[in-house]
Amino acid sequence: KFISMLNWQGDINIKALDKDGILIQEDNVKNLITSAGKNLLAEALRTNNDCEIKFIALGSDNTAVSSGDTTLGNETFRKAVTSQTAGTVGVTITNLYVAPEEAVGTIEEIGFFSGSSASATTDSGTLFARVLYSRTKTAVESIQIERTDTIG
């Protein structure tokens, strides 16, 4: 109930850029905060658990998002977060840059992983949030993922 009262929202802005840095496509999607993500925040309030979003993963499964998700359907790429900054009151902005040579192929899902067990290992950590995003990424484009979490 406490998390619902916080009015927690996650917005993801995804930009695909060609090799010259020219915008090819831009999408803005809302995501579902998973039950595991909500429990992680609630636990942090009790125990100072590690809630930092550490890794963002891409996958090739377009199964509908569910609050019970604990992993991506088929994780194919994972990378440490590029940067995190504080926005206005109650706002955190998390960024990931995917270089042209990285994650080439079909992308159908994006996952955000937190917790003390989050690492570069596939399916590690707590799946904080998951969103569907469909793109076939080529080796001559990069992707910038910007996640804005707003509490309040």
Protein backbone atom coordinates (compact mmCIF):
# COMPACT_ATOMS: atom_id res chain seq x y z
CA LYS A 1 0.00 0.00 0.00
CA PHE A 2 2.86 2.40 0.85
CA ILE A 3 4.36 2.11 -2.65
CA SER A 4 0.98 2.86 -4.24
CA MET A 5 0.70 6.02 -2.13
CA LEU A 6 4.09 7.15 -3.46
CA ASN A 7 2.68 7.37 -6.99
CA TRP A 8 5.85 5.81 -8.39
CA GLN A 9 6.15 6.18 -12.16
CA GLY A 10 8.85 5.09 -14.58
CA ASP A 11 9.21 6.62 -18.03
CA ILE A 12 11.71 5.33 -20.57
CA ASN A 13 12.91 7.40 -23.50
CA ILE A 14 14.79 5.38 -26.13
CA LYS A 15 16.71 6.95 -29.01
CA ALA A 16 18.22 5.05 -31.94
CA LEU A 17 20.98 7.01 -33.69
CA ASP A 18 22.82 6.28 -36.91
CA LYS A 19 26.64 6.17 -37.11
CA ASP A 20 26.74 9.95 -37.56
CA GLY A 21 24.67 10.55 -34.44
CA ILE A 22 21.52 11.48 -36.36
CA LEU A 23 18.27 10.43 -34.69
CA ILE A 24 16.59 7.53 -36.53
CA GLN A 25 13.78 6.77 -34.09
CA GLU A 26 12.64 7.95 -30.66
CA ASP A 27 10.15 6.18 -28.42
CA ASN A 28 8.78 7.04 -24.99
CA VAL A 29 7.19 4.21 -23.04
CA LYS A 30 5.81 3.74 -19.55
CA ASN A 31 6.89 0.67 -17.67
CA LEU A 32 5.50 -1.61 -15.03
CA ILE A 33 7.33 -1.62 -11.71
CA THR A 34 7.45 -5.34 -10.82
CA SER A 35 6.36 -6.73 -7.48
CA ALA A 36 10.02 -7.58 -6.83
CA GLY A 37 10.96 -3.94 -7.53
CA LYS A 38 8.33 -2.64 -5.13
CA ASN A 39 9.43 -5.10 -2.47
CA LEU A 40 13.06 -4.06 -2.96
CA LEU A 41 12.19 -0.41 -2.26
CA ALA A 42 10.04 -1.34 0.72
CA GLU A 43 12.88 -3.48 2.11
CA ALA A 44 15.35 -0.62 1.59
CA LEU A 45 13.22 1.56 3.82
CA ARG A 46 13.51 -1.11 6.53
CA THR A 47 17.07 -2.38 6.08
CA ASN A 48 18.95 0.10 3.83
CA ASN A 49 19.10 -2.59 1.12
CA ASP A 50 20.86 -1.75 -2.15
CA CYS A 51 18.17 -0.40 -4.53
CA GLU A 52 20.49 1.26 -7.05
CA ILE A 53 19.72 0.35 -10.68
CA LYS A 54 23.07 -1.16 -11.68
CA PHE A 55 22.47 -2.98 -14.96
CA ILE A 56 20.14 -2.67 -17.93
CA ALA A 57 19.49 -5.76 -20.03
CA LEU A 58 17.97 -6.30 -23.45
CA GLY A 59 16.14 -9.41 -24.56
CA SER A 60 14.35 -10.98 -27.49
CA ASP A 61 11.07 -12.09 -25.86
CA ASN A 62 7.92 -10.02 -26.42
CA THR A 63 5.76 -11.84 -23.87
CA ALA A 64 3.45 -9.36 -22.12
CA VAL A 65 4.89 -7.65 -19.07
CA SER A 66 3.66 -8.97 -15.72
CA SER A 67 4.15 -7.68 -12.18
CA GLY A 68 5.37 -11.19 -11.31
CA ASP A 69 8.31 -11.07 -13.77
CA THR A 70 11.66 -11.80 -12.12
CA THR A 71 13.82 -12.10 -15.26
CA LEU A 72 13.58 -11.10 -18.90
CA GLY A 73 11.99 -13.69 -21.14
CA ASN A 74 15.25 -14.19 -23.06
CA GLU A 75 18.09 -11.92 -21.97
CA THR A 76 20.60 -11.40 -24.81
CA PHE A 77 22.65 -8.38 -23.66
CA ARG A 78 23.47 -6.72 -20.33
CA LYS A 79 25.54 -3.66 -19.50
CA ALA A 80 26.29 -1.56 -16.43
CA VAL A 81 24.40 1.73 -16.21
CA THR A 82 26.29 4.57 -17.93
CA SER A 83 25.17 7.30 -15.50
CA GLN A 84 22.64 8.23 -12.84
CA THR A 85 21.68 11.73 -11.76
CA ALA A 86 19.20 13.35 -9.42
CA GLY A 87 16.48 15.39 -11.08
CA THR A 88 14.01 17.59 -9.25
CA VAL A 89 12.57 16.45 -5.90
CA GLY A 90 11.78 12.72 -6.01
CA VAL A 91 13.33 12.18 -9.48
CA THR A 92 16.21 9.92 -10.52
CA ILE A 93 17.43 9.69 -14.13
CA THR A 94 19.29 6.54 -15.23
CA ASN A 95 21.08 6.36 -18.59
CA LEU A 96 22.56 3.58 -20.71
CA TYR A 97 24.49 3.95 -23.96
CA VAL A 98 24.54 0.92 -26.28
CA ALA A 99 27.35 1.34 -28.83
CA PRO A 100 26.93 0.40 -32.52
CA GLU A 101 28.82 -2.89 -32.15
CA GLU A 102 26.82 -3.94 -29.06
CA ALA A 103 23.47 -5.80 -28.91
CA VAL A 104 23.15 -6.20 -32.68
CA GLY A 105 19.96 -8.06 -33.52
CA THR A 106 16.36 -8.24 -32.36
CA ILE A 107 15.35 -6.34 -29.24
CA GLU A 108 11.88 -6.94 -27.80
CA GLU A 109 12.30 -6.16 -24.08
CA ILE A 110 14.32 -4.03 -21.67
CA GLY A 111 14.94 -4.88 -18.01
CA PHE A 112 16.33 -2.78 -15.18
CA PHE A 113 18.24 -4.71 -12.49
CA SER A 114 18.99 -3.66 -8.90
CA GLY A 115 20.09 -5.18 -5.62
CA SER A 116 23.27 -6.47 -4.08
CA SER A 117 23.27 -9.55 -6.34
CA ALA A 118 23.02 -7.57 -9.61
CA SER A 119 26.09 -8.19 -11.77
CA ALA A 120 27.12 -8.64 -15.38
CA THR A 121 25.80 -12.22 -15.16
CA THR A 122 22.57 -12.94 -17.05
CA ASP A 123 19.43 -12.91 -14.85
CA SER A 124 21.33 -11.67 -11.77
CA GLY A 125 19.85 -9.12 -9.38
CA THR A 126 16.29 -8.01 -8.83
CA LEU A 127 14.28 -7.20 -11.96
CA PHE A 128 13.16 -3.76 -10.85
CA ALA A 129 11.14 -3.01 -13.99
CA ARG A 130 10.52 -4.43 -17.46
CA VAL A 131 9.21 -2.83 -20.64
CA LEU A 132 8.52 -4.07 -24.17
CA TYR A 133 10.42 -2.26 -26.93
CA SER A 134 10.70 -3.61 -30.46
CA ARG A 135 13.68 -2.82 -32.68
CA THR A 136 16.11 -4.67 -34.90
CA LYS A 137 19.41 -2.98 -34.05
CA THR A 138 22.14 -2.84 -36.67
CA ALA A 139 25.90 -2.43 -36.21
CA VAL A 140 25.74 1.12 -37.61
CA GLU A 141 23.48 2.60 -34.93
CA SER A 142 23.61 3.22 -31.22
CA ILE A 143 20.82 3.29 -28.67
CA GLN A 144 20.44 5.64 -25.73
CA ILE A 145 18.06 4.53 -22.98
CA GLU A 146 17.01 7.16 -20.45
CA ARG A 147 14.84 6.03 -17.54
CA THR A 148 13.19 8.69 -15.36
CA ASP A 149 11.77 7.51 -12.04
CA THR A 150 9.44 9.94 -10.31
CA ILE A 151 8.17 9.40 -6.77
CA GLY A 152 5.50 11.79 -5.64
